[in-house]
Amino acid sequence: MIDTVKAQFEVLDDRFRRCNGDDRMERLHTGCRWTEGPAYFPAGRYLLFSDIPNERILRWDETTGAVGVFRQPSGYANGHTVDRQGRLVSCEHGNRRVTRTEHDGSITVLADRVDGRRFNSPNDVVEHSDGSVWFTDPDYGISSDYEGDQGDSETGGCHVYRIDPVTGRARIVADDFDRPNGLAFSADERHLYIVDTPAKHIRRFDVGDDGALSGGEVFGTCDAGVFDGVRVDNAGRLWAAAHDGLHCFDPDGTLIGKLRVPEVVSNLTFGGAKRNHLFITATGSVYALRVNFAGVRYP
């Protein structure tokens, strides 16, 4: 029997009334320590997600509903994305690096250092249409042995990086964060949203043609715990993981509604044939529901 919980869409602004979906959310899997980094592969119709403290990546098969181990050990992998060639790009806390899993299963290291210094513990990652890879690097994976291996920071802070698609070199694009976390591009890629978890807010940057960031004003603040992962839908709304569920922000920065979840939420992604299958990682579980909106289609 499928395990489900009531789907609760909480309207805070009339603009959110159009957002709804299944009456109940499916709990696809539970029993993990801390789930993170959901990434959907349309070609294979499966979802990958991290169980960070157990140092494994799990795989949910949409066709059978089965969940199994995709990779263990995983280097304490956290956030993932699927690049435009259908390859898995991962942030590994334990190995302090960003990697790409090739179609043949081999692993390519995209970056593990900046100016000769090891990263802290790469956390979340997105790809730009120009082929550059952007990721955040807080210190959660080196602050204890729970989500990585305790160690010292070599970078002098927690920054946001861009890996150049031509040179493969990583450079800092934002260095004024406490602990940057989730990140997502706007539909036209002219803006980049980045969470600063301890500050309990999301900032919005302008993205230059050369990959430089400017601006960085506060876009939205959290009224329930802290923010973690973020994603953008096809109406330009920003969905952010928080302690009481998902918070939905209008493109003008107004908090217009919430999707309540019975566990602390870490991240989300859109999948399925129409990108309207919403997957949510939350504490020890993964939830899913079909919704009447979809994830943004990037260039």
Protein backbone atom coordinates (compact mmCIF):
# COMPACT_ATOMS: atom_id res chain seq x y z
CA MET A 1 0.00 0.00 0.00
CA ILE A 2 1.33 3.45 -0.93
CA ASP A 3 2.17 5.66 2.06
CA THR A 4 0.59 9.10 1.64
CA VAL A 5 0.03 12.29 3.65
CA LYS A 6 -2.39 15.14 3.06
CA ALA A 7 -1.09 17.81 0.66
CA GLN A 8 -1.61 21.19 2.30
CA PHE A 9 -1.29 24.25 0.07
CA GLU A 10 -1.44 27.31 2.31
CA VAL A 11 -2.54 30.47 0.50
CA LEU A 12 -0.90 33.66 1.80
CA ASP A 13 -1.63 35.78 -1.29
CA ASP A 14 -4.31 35.42 -3.96
CA ARG A 15 -1.60 34.81 -6.56
CA PHE A 16 -0.98 31.42 -4.95
CA ARG A 17 -4.57 30.18 -5.34
CA ARG A 18 -3.78 28.85 -8.80
CA CYS A 19 -1.07 26.56 -7.35
CA ASN A 20 -2.34 23.12 -6.41
CA GLY A 21 -2.01 19.47 -7.30
CA ASP A 22 -2.63 16.01 -5.88
CA ASP A 23 -4.76 15.85 -2.77
CA ARG A 24 -2.14 13.67 -1.11
CA MET A 25 1.66 13.49 -1.27
CA GLU A 26 3.30 10.12 -1.71
CA ARG A 27 6.12 9.20 0.64
CA LEU A 28 8.37 7.40 -1.82
CA HIS A 29 10.98 6.35 0.73
CA THR A 30 11.82 6.83 4.38
CA GLY A 31 14.37 5.58 6.92
CA CYS A 32 17.29 7.79 5.88
CA ARG A 33 19.28 10.03 8.22
CA TRP A 34 19.22 13.23 6.14
CA THR A 35 18.04 13.25 2.53
CA GLU A 36 19.28 15.87 0.08
CA GLY A 37 20.08 16.69 -3.54
CA PRO A 38 17.19 15.25 -5.58
CA ALA A 39 17.97 15.01 -9.31
CA TYR A 40 15.57 13.55 -11.88
CA PHE A 41 16.76 11.75 -15.03
CA PRO A 42 14.03 11.85 -17.69
CA ALA A 43 15.76 9.39 -20.03
CA GLY A 44 15.79 6.69 -17.36
CA ARG A 45 12.70 7.84 -15.45
CA TYR A 46 14.45 7.71 -12.11
CA LEU A 47 15.32 10.03 -9.23
CA LEU A 48 18.67 10.13 -7.47
CA PHE A 49 19.00 11.60 -3.99
CA SER A 50 21.60 11.72 -1.24
CA ASP A 51 21.47 10.24 2.24
CA ILE A 52 24.45 12.24 3.41
CA PRO A 53 25.30 10.83 6.88
CA ASN A 54 24.99 7.27 5.56
CA GLU A 55 27.37 8.24 2.71
CA ARG A 56 25.21 6.92 -0.08
CA ILE A 57 23.22 8.02 -3.12
CA LEU A 58 19.89 6.26 -3.53
CA ARG A 59 17.86 5.68 -6.72
CA TRP A 60 14.05 5.64 -6.99
CA ASP A 61 12.71 3.95 -10.12
CA GLU A 62 9.56 5.65 -11.41
CA THR A 63 8.48 2.58 -13.39
CA THR A 64 8.61 0.13 -10.46
CA GLY A 65 8.65 2.30 -7.33
CA ALA A 66 11.72 0.43 -6.11
CA VAL A 67 14.49 2.22 -4.19
CA GLY A 68 18.04 0.94 -4.17
CA VAL A 69 21.61 2.07 -3.66
CA PHE A 70 23.10 3.92 -6.64
CA ARG A 71 26.51 4.62 -5.08
CA GLN A 72 28.08 3.80 -1.72
CA PRO A 73 30.42 5.16 -0.55
CA SER A 74 29.46 8.44 -2.17
CA GLY A 75 32.09 10.77 -0.74
CA TYR A 76 29.29 12.17 1.45
CA ALA A 77 27.62 13.58 -1.67
CA ASN A 78 25.10 16.37 -1.08
CA GLY A 79 23.63 18.38 -3.97
CA HIS A 80 23.29 17.16 -7.55
CA THR A 81 22.19 18.40 -10.93
CA VAL A 82 21.71 16.81 -14.34
CA ASP A 83 23.70 18.59 -17.03
CA ARG A 84 22.49 19.21 -20.59
CA GLN A 85 24.07 15.96 -21.78
CA GLY A 86 22.19 13.94 -19.17
CA ARG A 87 25.16 13.41 -16.85
CA LEU A 88 25.13 13.58 -13.07
CA VAL A 89 27.06 16.48 -11.49
CA SER A 90 27.63 16.08 -7.75
CA CYS A 91 28.95 18.01 -4.76
CA GLU A 92 30.96 15.71 -2.51
CA HIS A 93 31.48 16.83 1.10
CA GLY A 94 33.95 14.15 2.03
CA ASN A 95 36.16 14.48 -1.03
CA ARG A 96 35.78 18.27 -1.03
CA ARG A 97 35.13 18.36 -4.75
CA VAL A 98 32.63 18.66 -7.60
CA THR A 99 32.43 15.66 -9.94
CA ARG A 100 30.64 14.51 -13.07
CA THR A 101 29.55 10.92 -13.63
CA GLU A 102 30.03 10.06 -17.29
CA HIS A 103 27.65 7.90 -19.31
CA ASP A 104 29.96 4.93 -18.88
CA GLY A 105 29.94 5.33 -15.09
CA SER A 106 33.43 6.78 -14.76
CA ILE A 107 33.88 9.87 -12.60
CA THR A 108 35.51 13.09 -13.77
CA VAL A 109 36.68 15.63 -11.19
CA LEU A 110 35.48 19.07 -12.34
CA ALA A 111 37.10 20.97 -9.48
CA ASP A 112 38.61 20.22 -6.09
CA ARG A 113 40.72 23.34 -5.51
CA VAL A 114 40.79 27.07 -6.04
CA ASP A 115 44.26 28.61 -6.43
CA GLY A 116 45.75 25.41 -5.02
CA ARG A 117 43.58 25.35 -1.90
CA ARG A 118 41.02 22.64 -1.26
CA PHE A 119 37.37 23.59 -1.08
CA ASN A 120 35.50 23.28 2.22
CA SER A 121 32.65 20.95 1.26
CA PRO A 122 30.77 21.76 -1.96
CA ASN A 123 27.05 21.78 -1.21
CA ASP A 124 24.74 22.52 -4.13
CA VAL A 125 25.29 22.92 -7.86
CA VAL A 126 23.63 24.22 -11.05
CA GLU A 127 24.68 24.43 -14.69
CA HIS A 128 24.40 27.51 -16.93
CA SER A 129 23.52 27.16 -20.62
CA ASP A 130 27.06 28.29 -21.52
CA GLY A 131 28.36 25.11 -19.90
CA SER A 132 29.71 26.75 -16.74
CA VAL A 133 29.05 24.99 -13.43
CA TRP A 134 28.15 27.07 -10.36
CA PHE A 135 28.30 25.77 -6.80
CA THR A 136 28.25 26.83 -3.17
CA ASP A 137 30.93 25.86 -0.66
CA PRO A 138 29.93 26.19 3.01
CA ASP A 139 31.77 24.29 5.73
CA TYR A 140 29.12 21.80 6.88
CA GLY A 141 31.14 18.82 5.67
CA ILE A 142 34.32 19.77 7.53
CA SER A 143 32.79 21.10 10.75
CA SER A 144 32.23 17.55 12.06
CA ASP A 145 32.35 13.91 10.99
CA TYR A 146 28.55 13.68 10.59
CA GLU A 147 28.26 14.85 6.98
CA GLY A 148 31.88 14.46 5.93
CA ASP A 149 35.32 14.47 7.50
CA GLN A 150 36.20 17.08 10.08
CA GLY A 151 38.98 19.33 8.88
CA ASP A 152 40.26 22.85 8.48
CA SER A 153 39.17 25.38 5.91
CA GLU A 154 41.83 26.32 3.38
CA THR A 155 39.84 28.96 1.51
CA GLY A 156 39.41 31.53 4.28
CA GLY A 157 35.63 31.53 4.05
CA CYS A 158 32.49 30.06 2.54
CA HIS A 159 32.10 31.24 -1.04
CA VAL A 160 30.22 30.74 -4.30
CA TYR A 161 32.19 29.51 -7.33
CA ARG A 162 31.94 29.26 -11.12
CA ILE A 163 33.81 26.63 -13.12
CA ASP A 164 34.71 28.01 -16.54
CA PRO A 165 33.52 25.72 -19.37
CA VAL A 166 36.65 26.35 -21.47
CA THR A 167 39.51 26.45 -18.99
CA GLY A 168 37.96 24.28 -16.28
CA ARG A 169 39.23 26.76 -13.71
CA ALA A 170 37.12 27.59 -10.66
CA ARG A 171 36.91 31.18 -9.46
CA ILE A 172 35.04 32.95 -6.68
CA VAL A 173 31.96 34.85 -7.85
CA ALA A 174 30.60 35.81 -4.41
CA ASP A 175 32.57 36.01 -1.16
CA ASP A 176 30.25 37.87 1.23
CA PHE A 177 28.20 34.93 2.53
CA ASP A 178 28.12 33.29 5.93
CA ARG A 179 27.23 29.83 4.57
CA PRO A 180 25.87 29.83 1.01
CA ASN A 181 23.61 26.90 0.26
CA GLY A 182 20.92 26.34 -2.39
CA LEU A 183 21.11 28.22 -5.69
CA ALA A 184 19.02 28.52 -8.87
CA PHE A 185 18.98 30.60 -12.03
CA SER A 186 15.97 32.57 -13.16
CA ALA A 187 14.31 31.36 -16.38
CA ASP A 188 16.38 33.71 -18.57
CA GLU A 189 19.55 33.08 -16.52
CA ARG A 190 19.96 36.81 -15.97
CA HIS A 191 19.54 36.38 -12.22
CA LEU A 192 20.97 33.91 -9.73
CA TYR A 193 19.20 33.20 -6.45
CA ILE A 194 21.46 32.05 -3.60
CA VAL A 195 20.48 31.01 -0.08
CA ASP A 196 22.53 32.15 2.91
CA THR A 197 21.30 29.64 5.48
CA PRO A 198 22.40 31.18 8.83
CA ALA A 199 21.21 34.61 7.64
CA LYS A 200 17.78 33.05 6.95
CA HIS A 201 17.43 34.74 3.60
CA ILE A 202 17.73 34.40 -0.17
CA ARG A 203 19.70 36.91 -2.23
CA ARG A 204 19.25 37.73 -5.91
CA PHE A 205 22.23 38.61 -8.12
CA ASP A 206 22.47 39.91 -11.65
CA VAL A 207 24.51 37.63 -13.92
CA GLY A 208 26.81 39.36 -16.41
CA ASP A 209 27.75 38.08 -19.84
CA ASP A 210 31.22 37.34 -18.48
CA GLY A 211 29.85 35.31 -15.57
CA ALA A 212 30.38 38.06 -13.01
CA LEU A 213 27.74 38.66 -10.35
CA SER A 214 26.47 42.05 -9.23
CA GLY A 215 23.69 43.27 -6.96
CA GLY A 216 22.94 40.65 -4.34
CA GLU A 217 20.02 42.29 -2.58
CA VAL A 218 17.89 40.25 -0.19
CA PHE A 219 15.03 38.69 -2.15
CA GLY A 220 13.17 36.83 0.60
CA THR A 221 13.46 35.94 4.28
CA CYS A 222 12.54 32.78 6.17
CA ASP A 223 9.85 32.73 8.88
CA ALA A 224 10.19 29.02 9.70
CA GLY A 225 13.69 27.83 10.55
CA VAL A 226 16.14 28.41 7.70
CA PHE A 227 16.22 28.04 3.92
CA ASP A 228 18.08 25.26 2.13
CA GLY A 229 17.54 24.25 -1.52
CA VAL A 230 15.67 26.36 -4.10
CA ARG A 231 14.11 25.85 -7.55
CA VAL A 232 12.25 28.03 -10.07
CA ASP A 233 8.96 27.08 -11.75
CA ASN A 234 7.62 27.92 -15.20
CA ALA A 235 5.88 31.06 -13.93
CA GLY A 236 9.12 32.45 -12.50
CA ARG A 237 8.14 31.69 -8.92
CA LEU A 238 10.91 30.63 -6.54
CA TRP A 239 10.30 27.60 -4.30
CA ALA A 240 12.50 27.33 -1.21
CA ALA A 241 12.96 24.47 1.26
CA ALA A 242 12.28 25.47 4.88
CA HIS A 243 11.50 23.81 8.19
CA ASP A 244 7.71 23.73 7.67
CA GLY A 245 7.70 22.80 3.99
CA LEU A 246 8.23 24.67 0.74
CA HIS A 247 7.88 28.47 0.61
CA CYS A 248 6.74 29.97 -2.69
CA PHE A 249 7.86 33.49 -3.68
CA ASP A 250 6.43 35.55 -6.50
CA PRO A 251 9.06 36.99 -8.87
CA ASP A 252 8.62 40.33 -7.06
CA GLY A 253 9.82 38.73 -3.78
CA THR A 254 6.45 38.37 -2.06
CA LEU A 255 5.90 35.18 -0.06
CA ILE A 256 2.60 34.07 -1.60
CA GLY A 257 2.13 30.56 -0.21
CA LYS A 258 3.49 27.38 1.27
CA LEU A 259 3.25 23.66 0.69
CA ARG A 260 3.31 22.13 4.14
CA VAL A 261 5.45 19.01 4.66
CA PRO A 262 5.49 16.96 7.90
CA GLU A 263 9.32 16.90 8.10
CA VAL A 264 12.01 19.56 7.81
CA VAL A 265 12.61 20.04 4.09
CA SER A 266 16.11 20.15 2.62
CA ASN A 267 15.56 20.40 -1.13
CA LEU A 268 13.28 19.89 -4.12
CA THR A 269 13.29 19.31 -7.85
CA PHE A 270 10.83 18.99 -10.71
CA GLY A 271 10.70 15.86 -12.85
CA GLY A 272 8.46 13.64 -14.91
CA ALA A 273 7.68 13.86 -18.62
CA LYS A 274 6.11 17.30 -18.20
CA ARG A 275 8.33 18.53 -15.32
CA ASN A 276 5.20 18.72 -13.13
CA HIS A 277 6.17 15.90 -10.76
CA LEU A 278 7.47 17.66 -7.65
CA PHE A 279 10.02 15.71 -5.60
CA ILE A 280 10.87 16.83 -2.05
CA THR A 281 13.68 15.61 0.21
CA ALA A 282 12.78 16.09 3.87
CA THR A 283 14.80 14.83 6.84
CA GLY A 284 14.57 11.04 6.56
CA SER A 285 12.10 10.81 3.68
CA VAL A 286 11.38 11.66 0.04
CA TYR A 287 7.93 12.93 -0.97
CA ALA A 288 6.33 13.45 -4.37
CA LEU A 289 3.16 14.86 -5.88
CA ARG A 290 1.87 15.93 -9.26
CA VAL A 291 1.16 19.65 -9.47
CA ASN A 292 -0.55 21.98 -11.94
CA PHE A 293 2.65 23.94 -12.61
CA ALA A 294 6.05 22.79 -13.80
CA GLY A 295 9.73 23.37 -13.35
CA VAL A 296 11.26 25.99 -15.57
CA ARG A 297 12.72 24.91 -18.91
CA TYR A 298 16.14 26.55 -19.20
CA PRO A 299 17.83 27.51 -22.47
